[in-house]
């Protein structure tokens, strides 16, 4: 799962550094709590983006659904967060989310003097590309994720998307909610 603030650079140019940090911390708190609530692993913060893993380091039987649940928690929490930020800073944020499911190389990666536990590979890259194509407030999932959650999640099929760095198109779906 990747999540990223939309319009962060222009917003940060028009605010004081303390305000930018305050907004970023409030948003990242929502992201982290949403990932933890669904037993995911907060892999890293990447500026105003975050990466979550589901099924590593500990295996989770329903990892794809938990990732979607985390994204929905973020989306549901965004309205309250938006109101809070508007009141406190006069600004609000929206963000896009991308989820892909598949195999990845997971472990401690880096240099001898600094390593990070993370995941790399095509599955991760595709999730990042989905996030970068998500509109504000939108959760995009790949066909691989959809196939694992289709009995539990309502989606809007969006067709195929040509994403940067991939030879083949990716079939994508917008998550609308949990089936009742």
N, C-alpha and C. Protein backbone atom coordinates (compact mmCIF):
# COMPACT_ATOMS: atom_id res chain seq x y z
N UNK A 1 0.85 -1.18 0.00
CA UNK A 1 0.00 0.00 0.00
C UNK A 1 0.89 1.23 0.00
N UNK A 2 0.58 2.16 -0.90
CA UNK A 2 1.23 3.48 -0.91
C UNK A 2 0.15 4.54 -0.77
N UNK A 3 0.45 5.58 -0.02
CA UNK A 3 -0.45 6.71 0.16
C UNK A 3 0.38 7.99 0.10
N UNK A 4 -0.18 9.03 -0.53
CA UNK A 4 0.57 10.25 -0.75
C UNK A 4 -0.39 11.45 -0.75
N UNK A 5 0.05 12.54 -0.16
CA UNK A 5 -0.74 13.77 -0.14
C UNK A 5 -0.76 14.37 -1.54
N UNK A 6 -1.91 14.86 -1.95
CA UNK A 6 -2.05 15.57 -3.22
C UNK A 6 -1.85 17.06 -2.97
N UNK A 7 -1.04 17.68 -3.82
CA UNK A 7 -0.81 19.12 -3.72
C UNK A 7 0.05 19.55 -2.55
N UNK A 8 0.92 18.66 -2.09
CA UNK A 8 1.72 18.97 -0.91
C UNK A 8 2.75 20.07 -1.18
N UNK A 9 3.41 20.03 -2.32
CA UNK A 9 4.47 21.01 -2.61
C UNK A 9 3.93 22.43 -2.66
N UNK A 10 2.86 22.72 -3.42
CA UNK A 10 2.35 24.10 -3.40
C UNK A 10 1.85 24.52 -2.01
N UNK A 11 1.25 23.58 -1.27
CA UNK A 11 0.78 23.91 0.07
C UNK A 11 1.97 24.27 0.96
N UNK A 12 3.04 23.48 0.87
CA UNK A 12 4.19 23.72 1.75
C UNK A 12 4.91 25.01 1.41
N UNK A 13 4.78 25.46 0.17
CA UNK A 13 5.40 26.73 -0.22
C UNK A 13 4.69 27.93 0.38
N UNK A 14 3.41 27.76 0.73
CA UNK A 14 2.63 28.90 1.20
C UNK A 14 2.44 28.92 2.72
N UNK A 15 3.05 27.97 3.42
CA UNK A 15 2.91 27.91 4.87
C UNK A 15 4.27 28.02 5.56
N UNK A 16 4.21 28.33 6.83
CA UNK A 16 5.43 28.34 7.63
C UNK A 16 5.89 26.90 7.85
N UNK A 17 7.20 26.67 7.99
CA UNK A 17 7.71 25.30 8.18
C UNK A 17 7.05 24.56 9.34
N UNK A 18 6.77 25.26 10.43
CA UNK A 18 6.13 24.61 11.58
C UNK A 18 4.73 24.12 11.23
N UNK A 19 4.02 24.90 10.41
CA UNK A 19 2.68 24.50 9.98
C UNK A 19 2.75 23.27 9.07
N UNK A 20 3.72 23.26 8.16
CA UNK A 20 3.89 22.12 7.26
C UNK A 20 4.15 20.85 8.07
N UNK A 21 5.03 20.95 9.05
CA UNK A 21 5.35 19.79 9.89
C UNK A 21 4.12 19.37 10.69
N UNK A 22 3.37 20.32 11.20
CA UNK A 22 2.16 20.00 11.95
C UNK A 22 1.14 19.25 11.10
N UNK A 23 0.90 19.73 9.88
CA UNK A 23 -0.04 19.07 8.97
C UNK A 23 0.46 17.68 8.61
N UNK A 24 1.74 17.60 8.27
CA UNK A 24 2.33 16.31 7.89
C UNK A 24 2.23 15.29 9.03
N UNK A 25 2.51 15.72 10.23
CA UNK A 25 2.45 14.80 11.37
C UNK A 25 1.02 14.32 11.65
N UNK A 26 0.05 15.21 11.51
CA UNK A 26 -1.35 14.82 11.72
C UNK A 26 -1.78 13.77 10.68
N UNK A 27 -1.42 14.02 9.43
CA UNK A 27 -1.75 13.10 8.34
C UNK A 27 -1.04 11.76 8.52
N UNK A 28 0.25 11.79 8.85
CA UNK A 28 1.00 10.55 9.03
C UNK A 28 0.51 9.75 10.23
N UNK A 29 -0.02 10.43 11.22
CA UNK A 29 -0.61 9.74 12.38
C UNK A 29 -1.83 8.94 11.93
N UNK A 30 -2.68 9.54 11.11
CA UNK A 30 -3.84 8.83 10.57
C UNK A 30 -3.40 7.62 9.74
N UNK A 31 -2.41 7.80 8.90
CA UNK A 31 -1.89 6.73 8.06
C UNK A 31 -1.35 5.59 8.92
N UNK A 32 -0.50 5.92 9.88
CA UNK A 32 0.11 4.90 10.73
C UNK A 32 -0.94 4.14 11.52
N UNK A 33 -1.88 4.84 12.14
CA UNK A 33 -2.92 4.18 12.93
C UNK A 33 -3.79 3.27 12.06
N UNK A 34 -4.06 3.69 10.83
CA UNK A 34 -4.87 2.88 9.92
C UNK A 34 -4.15 1.59 9.56
N UNK A 35 -2.86 1.66 9.33
CA UNK A 35 -2.06 0.47 9.01
C UNK A 35 -1.98 -0.45 10.22
N UNK A 36 -1.70 0.12 11.39
CA UNK A 36 -1.56 -0.70 12.60
C UNK A 36 -2.88 -1.36 12.99
N UNK A 37 -3.98 -0.64 12.80
CA UNK A 37 -5.31 -1.16 13.17
C UNK A 37 -5.64 -2.45 12.41
N UNK A 38 -5.08 -2.60 11.22
CA UNK A 38 -5.35 -3.77 10.38
C UNK A 38 -4.17 -4.75 10.36
N UNK A 39 -3.29 -4.60 11.33
CA UNK A 39 -2.13 -5.48 11.53
C UNK A 39 -1.11 -5.44 10.40
N UNK A 40 -1.04 -4.31 9.73
CA UNK A 40 -0.02 -4.12 8.70
C UNK A 40 1.27 -3.63 9.32
N UNK A 41 2.28 -3.53 8.49
CA UNK A 41 3.60 -3.03 8.90
C UNK A 41 3.82 -1.69 8.20
N UNK A 42 4.09 -0.65 8.97
CA UNK A 42 4.43 0.64 8.40
C UNK A 42 5.89 0.54 7.96
N UNK A 43 6.09 0.41 6.66
CA UNK A 43 7.44 0.20 6.14
C UNK A 43 8.27 1.46 6.23
N UNK A 44 7.73 2.56 5.72
CA UNK A 44 8.52 3.80 5.75
C UNK A 44 7.66 5.00 5.40
N UNK A 45 8.19 6.16 5.79
CA UNK A 45 7.68 7.44 5.31
C UNK A 45 8.63 7.89 4.22
N UNK A 46 8.07 8.43 3.15
CA UNK A 46 8.87 8.92 2.03
C UNK A 46 8.40 10.35 1.78
N UNK A 47 8.94 11.28 2.54
CA UNK A 47 8.45 12.66 2.46
C UNK A 47 7.02 12.71 2.93
N UNK A 48 6.09 13.10 2.04
CA UNK A 48 4.68 13.16 2.39
C UNK A 48 3.94 11.89 1.98
N UNK A 49 4.67 10.84 1.67
CA UNK A 49 4.08 9.55 1.32
C UNK A 49 4.44 8.53 2.40
N UNK A 50 3.71 7.42 2.38
CA UNK A 50 4.02 6.31 3.29
C UNK A 50 3.79 5.00 2.55
N UNK A 51 4.51 3.98 3.01
CA UNK A 51 4.40 2.64 2.42
C UNK A 51 4.06 1.66 3.53
N UNK A 52 3.04 0.85 3.30
CA UNK A 52 2.64 -0.17 4.26
C UNK A 52 2.73 -1.55 3.63
N UNK A 53 3.09 -2.53 4.43
CA UNK A 53 3.16 -3.93 3.99
C UNK A 53 2.13 -4.73 4.75
N UNK A 54 1.58 -5.71 4.09
CA UNK A 54 0.60 -6.60 4.72
C UNK A 54 1.01 -8.03 4.35
N UNK A 55 1.33 -8.82 5.37
CA UNK A 55 1.79 -10.19 5.14
C UNK A 55 3.29 -10.34 5.32
N UNK A 56 3.95 -9.29 5.76
CA UNK A 56 5.38 -9.35 6.06
C UNK A 56 5.64 -8.35 7.18
N UNK A 57 6.42 -8.67 8.18
CA UNK A 57 7.22 -9.88 8.34
C UNK A 57 6.40 -11.10 8.76
N UNK A 58 5.22 -10.88 9.31
CA UNK A 58 4.39 -12.02 9.71
C UNK A 58 3.33 -12.26 8.65
N UNK A 59 3.12 -13.54 8.35
CA UNK A 59 2.14 -13.90 7.34
C UNK A 59 0.73 -13.58 7.84
N UNK A 60 -0.07 -12.99 6.97
CA UNK A 60 -1.47 -12.70 7.25
C UNK A 60 -2.31 -13.37 6.18
N UNK A 61 -3.23 -14.22 6.61
CA UNK A 61 -4.03 -14.97 5.65
C UNK A 61 -4.82 -14.06 4.71
N UNK A 62 -5.39 -12.98 5.24
CA UNK A 62 -6.21 -12.08 4.44
C UNK A 62 -5.51 -10.73 4.22
N UNK A 63 -4.24 -10.79 3.86
CA UNK A 63 -3.41 -9.59 3.74
C UNK A 63 -3.98 -8.57 2.76
N UNK A 64 -4.51 -9.02 1.64
CA UNK A 64 -5.04 -8.07 0.64
C UNK A 64 -6.24 -7.30 1.20
N UNK A 65 -7.13 -8.01 1.88
CA UNK A 65 -8.30 -7.35 2.46
C UNK A 65 -7.88 -6.38 3.56
N UNK A 66 -6.89 -6.76 4.35
CA UNK A 66 -6.42 -5.85 5.41
C UNK A 66 -5.84 -4.57 4.83
N UNK A 67 -5.15 -4.68 3.70
CA UNK A 67 -4.61 -3.48 3.05
C UNK A 67 -5.75 -2.57 2.60
N UNK A 68 -6.79 -3.17 2.02
CA UNK A 68 -7.95 -2.38 1.58
C UNK A 68 -8.65 -1.76 2.80
N UNK A 69 -8.78 -2.53 3.87
CA UNK A 69 -9.38 -1.98 5.11
C UNK A 69 -8.58 -0.78 5.61
N UNK A 70 -7.26 -0.90 5.61
CA UNK A 70 -6.42 0.21 6.06
C UNK A 70 -6.66 1.45 5.20
N UNK A 71 -6.74 1.24 3.89
CA UNK A 71 -6.99 2.37 2.98
C UNK A 71 -8.35 3.01 3.27
N UNK A 72 -9.35 2.18 3.53
CA UNK A 72 -10.68 2.71 3.85
C UNK A 72 -10.68 3.46 5.18
N UNK A 73 -9.91 2.98 6.16
CA UNK A 73 -9.78 3.71 7.43
C UNK A 73 -9.16 5.09 7.17
N UNK A 74 -8.16 5.13 6.30
CA UNK A 74 -7.53 6.41 5.96
C UNK A 74 -8.55 7.34 5.30
N UNK A 75 -9.29 6.80 4.35
CA UNK A 75 -10.29 7.61 3.65
C UNK A 75 -11.37 8.11 4.61
N UNK A 76 -11.85 7.24 5.49
CA UNK A 76 -12.88 7.63 6.45
C UNK A 76 -12.34 8.67 7.44
N UNK A 77 -11.09 8.52 7.83
CA UNK A 77 -10.49 9.46 8.77
C UNK A 77 -10.12 10.79 8.14
N UNK A 78 -10.09 10.83 6.82
CA UNK A 78 -9.64 12.04 6.14
C UNK A 78 -10.61 13.21 6.31
N UNK A 79 -11.89 12.93 6.45
CA UNK A 79 -12.86 14.02 6.61
C UNK A 79 -12.64 14.72 7.96
N UNK A 80 -12.54 13.92 9.01
CA UNK A 80 -12.29 14.48 10.34
C UNK A 80 -10.94 15.20 10.37
N UNK A 81 -9.93 14.57 9.76
CA UNK A 81 -8.61 15.19 9.70
C UNK A 81 -8.68 16.51 8.93
N UNK A 82 -9.39 16.51 7.81
CA UNK A 82 -9.52 17.73 7.02
C UNK A 82 -10.14 18.86 7.80
N UNK A 83 -11.20 18.56 8.55
CA UNK A 83 -11.84 19.59 9.38
C UNK A 83 -10.90 20.11 10.46
N UNK A 84 -10.16 19.20 11.07
CA UNK A 84 -9.22 19.56 12.13
C UNK A 84 -8.10 20.46 11.58
N UNK A 85 -7.57 20.09 10.42
CA UNK A 85 -6.48 20.87 9.82
C UNK A 85 -6.98 22.23 9.35
N UNK A 86 -8.19 22.26 8.82
CA UNK A 86 -8.77 23.53 8.36
C UNK A 86 -8.92 24.50 9.53
N UNK A 87 -9.40 23.97 10.63
CA UNK A 87 -9.59 24.81 11.82
C UNK A 87 -8.25 25.27 12.40
N UNK A 88 -7.28 24.39 12.42
CA UNK A 88 -5.99 24.66 13.06
C UNK A 88 -5.03 25.45 12.17
N UNK A 89 -5.01 25.12 10.85
CA UNK A 89 -4.01 25.70 9.95
C UNK A 89 -4.61 26.49 8.78
N UNK A 90 -5.93 26.41 8.63
CA UNK A 90 -6.55 27.08 7.49
C UNK A 90 -6.34 26.34 6.18
N UNK A 91 -5.86 25.14 6.25
CA UNK A 91 -5.60 24.28 5.09
C UNK A 91 -6.07 22.87 5.39
N UNK A 92 -6.28 22.12 4.34
CA UNK A 92 -6.63 20.72 4.50
C UNK A 92 -5.82 19.90 3.51
N UNK A 93 -5.87 18.60 3.62
CA UNK A 93 -5.14 17.74 2.69
C UNK A 93 -6.06 16.65 2.16
N UNK A 94 -5.72 16.18 0.99
CA UNK A 94 -6.36 14.98 0.44
C UNK A 94 -5.22 14.09 -0.04
N UNK A 95 -5.53 12.83 -0.21
CA UNK A 95 -4.47 11.92 -0.63
C UNK A 95 -5.01 10.80 -1.48
N UNK A 96 -4.11 10.22 -2.27
CA UNK A 96 -4.43 9.09 -3.12
C UNK A 96 -3.76 7.85 -2.58
N UNK A 97 -4.38 6.69 -2.83
CA UNK A 97 -3.88 5.43 -2.30
C UNK A 97 -3.84 4.39 -3.41
N UNK A 98 -2.76 3.61 -3.46
CA UNK A 98 -2.62 2.52 -4.41
C UNK A 98 -2.24 1.24 -3.70
N UNK A 99 -2.88 0.13 -4.10
CA UNK A 99 -2.63 -1.17 -3.48
C UNK A 99 -2.42 -2.21 -4.58
N UNK A 100 -1.37 -2.98 -4.43
CA UNK A 100 -1.11 -4.11 -5.32
C UNK A 100 -0.71 -5.30 -4.47
N UNK A 101 -0.98 -6.51 -4.98
CA UNK A 101 -0.70 -7.73 -4.24
C UNK A 101 0.16 -8.65 -5.10
N UNK A 102 1.14 -9.27 -4.46
CA UNK A 102 1.99 -10.22 -5.16
C UNK A 102 3.26 -10.48 -4.37
N UNK A 103 4.14 -11.21 -5.00
CA UNK A 103 5.41 -11.53 -4.35
C UNK A 103 6.35 -10.35 -4.42
N UNK A 104 7.18 -10.23 -3.39
CA UNK A 104 8.17 -9.16 -3.32
C UNK A 104 9.39 -9.71 -2.58
N UNK A 105 10.49 -9.06 -2.78
CA UNK A 105 11.70 -9.38 -2.03
C UNK A 105 11.62 -8.55 -0.75
N UNK A 106 11.63 -9.24 0.39
CA UNK A 106 11.45 -8.57 1.67
C UNK A 106 12.62 -8.91 2.58
N UNK A 107 13.19 -7.89 3.21
CA UNK A 107 14.29 -8.13 4.13
C UNK A 107 15.04 -6.85 4.42
N UNK A 108 16.20 -7.01 5.05
CA UNK A 108 17.05 -5.87 5.36
C UNK A 108 17.88 -5.54 4.14
N UNK A 109 17.66 -4.33 3.61
CA UNK A 109 18.30 -3.91 2.38
C UNK A 109 19.00 -2.59 2.63
N UNK A 110 20.21 -2.46 2.12
CA UNK A 110 20.93 -1.21 2.27
C UNK A 110 22.42 -1.41 2.24
N UNK A 111 23.13 -0.51 2.90
CA UNK A 111 24.59 -0.54 2.98
C UNK A 111 25.01 -1.16 4.30
N UNK A 112 26.27 -1.52 4.40
CA UNK A 112 26.74 -2.19 5.61
C UNK A 112 26.54 -1.33 6.86
N UNK A 113 26.57 -0.03 6.74
CA UNK A 113 26.42 0.86 7.90
C UNK A 113 24.99 1.35 8.11
N UNK A 114 24.08 1.07 7.16
CA UNK A 114 22.68 1.46 7.34
C UNK A 114 21.79 0.59 6.47
N UNK A 115 20.95 -0.19 7.13
CA UNK A 115 20.01 -1.05 6.42
C UNK A 115 18.60 -0.76 6.91
N UNK A 116 17.63 -1.01 6.03
CA UNK A 116 16.23 -0.85 6.38
C UNK A 116 15.50 -2.13 6.00
N UNK A 117 14.56 -2.51 6.83
CA UNK A 117 13.66 -3.61 6.50
C UNK A 117 12.65 -3.04 5.51
N UNK A 118 12.52 -3.66 4.34
CA UNK A 118 11.61 -3.14 3.33
C UNK A 118 11.26 -4.23 2.33
N UNK A 119 10.44 -3.87 1.37
CA UNK A 119 10.07 -4.76 0.27
C UNK A 119 10.42 -4.06 -1.03
N UNK A 120 10.92 -4.83 -2.00
CA UNK A 120 11.23 -4.29 -3.31
C UNK A 120 10.74 -5.26 -4.39
N UNK A 121 10.63 -4.76 -5.58
CA UNK A 121 10.26 -5.60 -6.72
C UNK A 121 9.10 -5.02 -7.50
N UNK A 122 8.69 -5.74 -8.53
CA UNK A 122 7.65 -5.27 -9.43
C UNK A 122 6.32 -5.04 -8.71
N UNK A 123 5.98 -5.90 -7.77
CA UNK A 123 4.72 -5.73 -7.02
C UNK A 123 4.70 -4.39 -6.30
N UNK A 124 5.81 -4.06 -5.67
CA UNK A 124 5.93 -2.79 -4.93
C UNK A 124 5.88 -1.61 -5.90
N UNK A 125 6.61 -1.71 -6.99
CA UNK A 125 6.62 -0.63 -7.98
C UNK A 125 5.23 -0.37 -8.55
N UNK A 126 4.49 -1.44 -8.81
CA UNK A 126 3.14 -1.29 -9.34
C UNK A 126 2.22 -0.60 -8.34
N UNK A 127 2.32 -0.96 -7.07
CA UNK A 127 1.52 -0.29 -6.04
C UNK A 127 1.83 1.21 -6.02
N UNK A 128 3.10 1.56 -6.11
CA UNK A 128 3.50 2.98 -6.12
C UNK A 128 2.93 3.69 -7.34
N UNK A 129 2.92 3.02 -8.49
CA UNK A 129 2.37 3.63 -9.71
C UNK A 129 0.86 3.82 -9.60
N UNK A 130 0.17 2.86 -8.97
CA UNK A 130 -1.27 3.01 -8.77
C UNK A 130 -1.55 4.23 -7.90
N UNK A 131 -0.78 4.37 -6.83
CA UNK A 131 -0.97 5.52 -5.94
C UNK A 131 -0.76 6.82 -6.70
N UNK A 132 0.27 6.88 -7.54
CA UNK A 132 0.55 8.13 -8.26
C UNK A 132 -0.54 8.47 -9.28
N UNK A 133 -1.33 7.48 -9.68
CA UNK A 133 -2.44 7.70 -10.61
C UNK A 133 -3.78 7.92 -9.91
N UNK A 134 -3.82 7.74 -8.60
CA UNK A 134 -5.07 7.91 -7.86
C UNK A 134 -5.40 9.39 -7.70
N UNK A 135 -6.64 9.72 -7.93
CA UNK A 135 -7.12 11.09 -7.72
C UNK A 135 -7.24 11.34 -6.21
N UNK A 136 -7.37 12.60 -5.80
CA UNK A 136 -7.56 12.87 -4.38
C UNK A 136 -8.76 12.10 -3.83
N UNK A 137 -8.56 11.39 -2.73
CA UNK A 137 -9.62 10.61 -2.10
C UNK A 137 -9.88 9.27 -2.73
N UNK A 138 -9.10 8.90 -3.73
CA UNK A 138 -9.34 7.66 -4.47
C UNK A 138 -8.41 6.53 -4.00
N UNK A 139 -8.97 5.32 -3.93
CA UNK A 139 -8.21 4.11 -3.61
C UNK A 139 -8.22 3.24 -4.86
N UNK A 140 -7.06 3.01 -5.45
CA UNK A 140 -6.94 2.17 -6.63
C UNK A 140 -6.29 0.84 -6.25
N UNK A 141 -6.87 -0.25 -6.75
CA UNK A 141 -6.28 -1.57 -6.54
C UNK A 141 -6.09 -2.26 -7.90
N UNK A 142 -5.14 -3.15 -7.92
CA UNK A 142 -4.85 -3.92 -9.14
C UNK A 142 -5.78 -5.12 -9.24
N UNK A 143 -5.77 -5.77 -10.40
CA UNK A 143 -6.53 -7.00 -10.60
C UNK A 143 -6.08 -8.06 -9.59
N UNK A 144 -4.77 -8.14 -9.30
CA UNK A 144 -4.26 -9.14 -8.36
C UNK A 144 -4.89 -8.95 -6.98
N UNK A 145 -5.03 -7.71 -6.54
CA UNK A 145 -5.67 -7.44 -5.25
C UNK A 145 -7.17 -7.69 -5.35
N UNK A 146 -7.78 -7.21 -6.41
CA UNK A 146 -9.22 -7.40 -6.60
C UNK A 146 -9.61 -8.87 -6.53
N UNK A 147 -8.86 -9.73 -7.17
CA UNK A 147 -9.18 -11.16 -7.19
C UNK A 147 -9.23 -11.75 -5.78
N UNK A 148 -8.47 -11.17 -4.85
CA UNK A 148 -8.44 -11.68 -3.47
C UNK A 148 -9.50 -11.06 -2.57
N UNK A 149 -10.07 -9.93 -2.98
CA UNK A 149 -11.02 -9.22 -2.10
C UNK A 149 -12.40 -9.05 -2.71
N UNK A 150 -12.62 -9.54 -3.92
CA UNK A 150 -13.85 -9.26 -4.66
C UNK A 150 -15.12 -9.69 -3.95
N UNK A 151 -15.06 -10.68 -3.07
CA UNK A 151 -16.25 -11.11 -2.34
C UNK A 151 -16.57 -10.21 -1.15
N UNK A 152 -15.62 -9.35 -0.77
CA UNK A 152 -15.81 -8.51 0.42
C UNK A 152 -15.87 -7.01 0.13
N UNK A 153 -15.46 -6.61 -1.08
CA UNK A 153 -15.27 -5.19 -1.37
C UNK A 153 -16.09 -4.76 -2.60
N UNK A 154 -16.72 -3.60 -2.49
CA UNK A 154 -17.41 -3.01 -3.63
C UNK A 154 -16.40 -2.16 -4.41
N UNK A 155 -16.39 -2.35 -5.73
CA UNK A 155 -15.45 -1.61 -6.56
C UNK A 155 -16.15 -1.04 -7.78
N UNK A 156 -15.47 -0.11 -8.40
CA UNK A 156 -15.85 0.43 -9.68
C UNK A 156 -14.73 0.07 -10.65
N UNK A 157 -14.98 -0.81 -11.63
CA UNK A 157 -13.92 -1.16 -12.59
C UNK A 157 -13.55 0.06 -13.44
N UNK A 158 -12.26 0.32 -13.56
CA UNK A 158 -11.81 1.49 -14.32
C UNK A 158 -11.08 1.12 -15.61
N UNK A 159 -10.98 -0.17 -15.89
CA UNK A 159 -10.31 -0.57 -17.13
C UNK A 159 -8.83 -0.76 -16.94
N UNK A 160 -8.10 -0.53 -18.02
CA UNK A 160 -6.66 -0.75 -18.00
C UNK A 160 -5.91 0.57 -17.95
N UNK A 161 -4.76 0.53 -17.31
CA UNK A 161 -3.94 1.72 -17.14
C UNK A 161 -2.51 1.38 -17.56
N UNK A 162 -1.95 2.22 -18.39
CA UNK A 162 -0.54 2.08 -18.75
C UNK A 162 0.25 2.84 -17.70
N UNK A 163 1.07 2.11 -16.95
CA UNK A 163 1.84 2.77 -15.89
C UNK A 163 3.31 2.83 -16.25
N UNK A 164 3.94 3.88 -15.80
CA UNK A 164 5.34 4.13 -16.07
C UNK A 164 6.20 2.94 -15.63
N UNK A 165 7.10 2.53 -16.50
CA UNK A 165 8.05 1.48 -16.14
C UNK A 165 7.56 0.06 -16.36
N UNK A 166 6.32 -0.11 -16.80
CA UNK A 166 5.78 -1.46 -17.03
C UNK A 166 5.44 -1.64 -18.50
N UNK A 167 5.82 -2.78 -19.03
CA UNK A 167 5.53 -3.08 -20.44
C UNK A 167 4.04 -3.35 -20.64
N UNK A 168 3.42 -4.04 -19.68
CA UNK A 168 2.01 -4.40 -19.80
C UNK A 168 1.13 -3.42 -19.04
N UNK A 169 -0.11 -3.28 -19.50
CA UNK A 169 -1.07 -2.45 -18.80
C UNK A 169 -1.52 -3.15 -17.52
N UNK A 170 -2.05 -2.38 -16.59
CA UNK A 170 -2.55 -2.91 -15.32
C UNK A 170 -4.05 -2.68 -15.28
N UNK A 171 -4.81 -3.72 -15.01
CA UNK A 171 -6.25 -3.57 -14.85
C UNK A 171 -6.49 -3.02 -13.45
N UNK A 172 -7.27 -1.93 -13.37
CA UNK A 172 -7.45 -1.28 -12.08
C UNK A 172 -8.93 -1.16 -11.71
N UNK A 173 -9.13 -1.04 -10.40
CA UNK A 173 -10.46 -0.92 -9.80
C UNK A 173 -10.38 0.16 -8.72
N UNK A 174 -11.45 0.95 -8.62
CA UNK A 174 -11.57 1.91 -7.54
C UNK A 174 -12.37 1.28 -6.42
N UNK A 175 -11.83 1.30 -5.22
CA UNK A 175 -12.54 0.75 -4.07
C UNK A 175 -13.59 1.75 -3.62
N UNK A 176 -14.83 1.26 -3.50
CA UNK A 176 -15.95 2.10 -3.08
C UNK A 176 -16.33 1.85 -1.62
N UNK A 177 -16.09 0.63 -1.12
CA UNK A 177 -16.43 0.32 0.26
C UNK A 177 -16.45 -1.18 0.49
N UNK A 178 -16.85 -1.54 1.71
CA UNK A 178 -16.97 -2.94 2.10
C UNK A 178 -18.40 -3.40 1.77
N UNK A 179 -18.53 -4.61 1.24
CA UNK A 179 -19.86 -5.16 0.97
C UNK A 179 -20.56 -5.46 2.28
N UNK A 180 -21.85 -5.18 2.32
CA UNK A 180 -22.63 -5.44 3.53
C UNK A 180 -23.21 -6.82 3.53
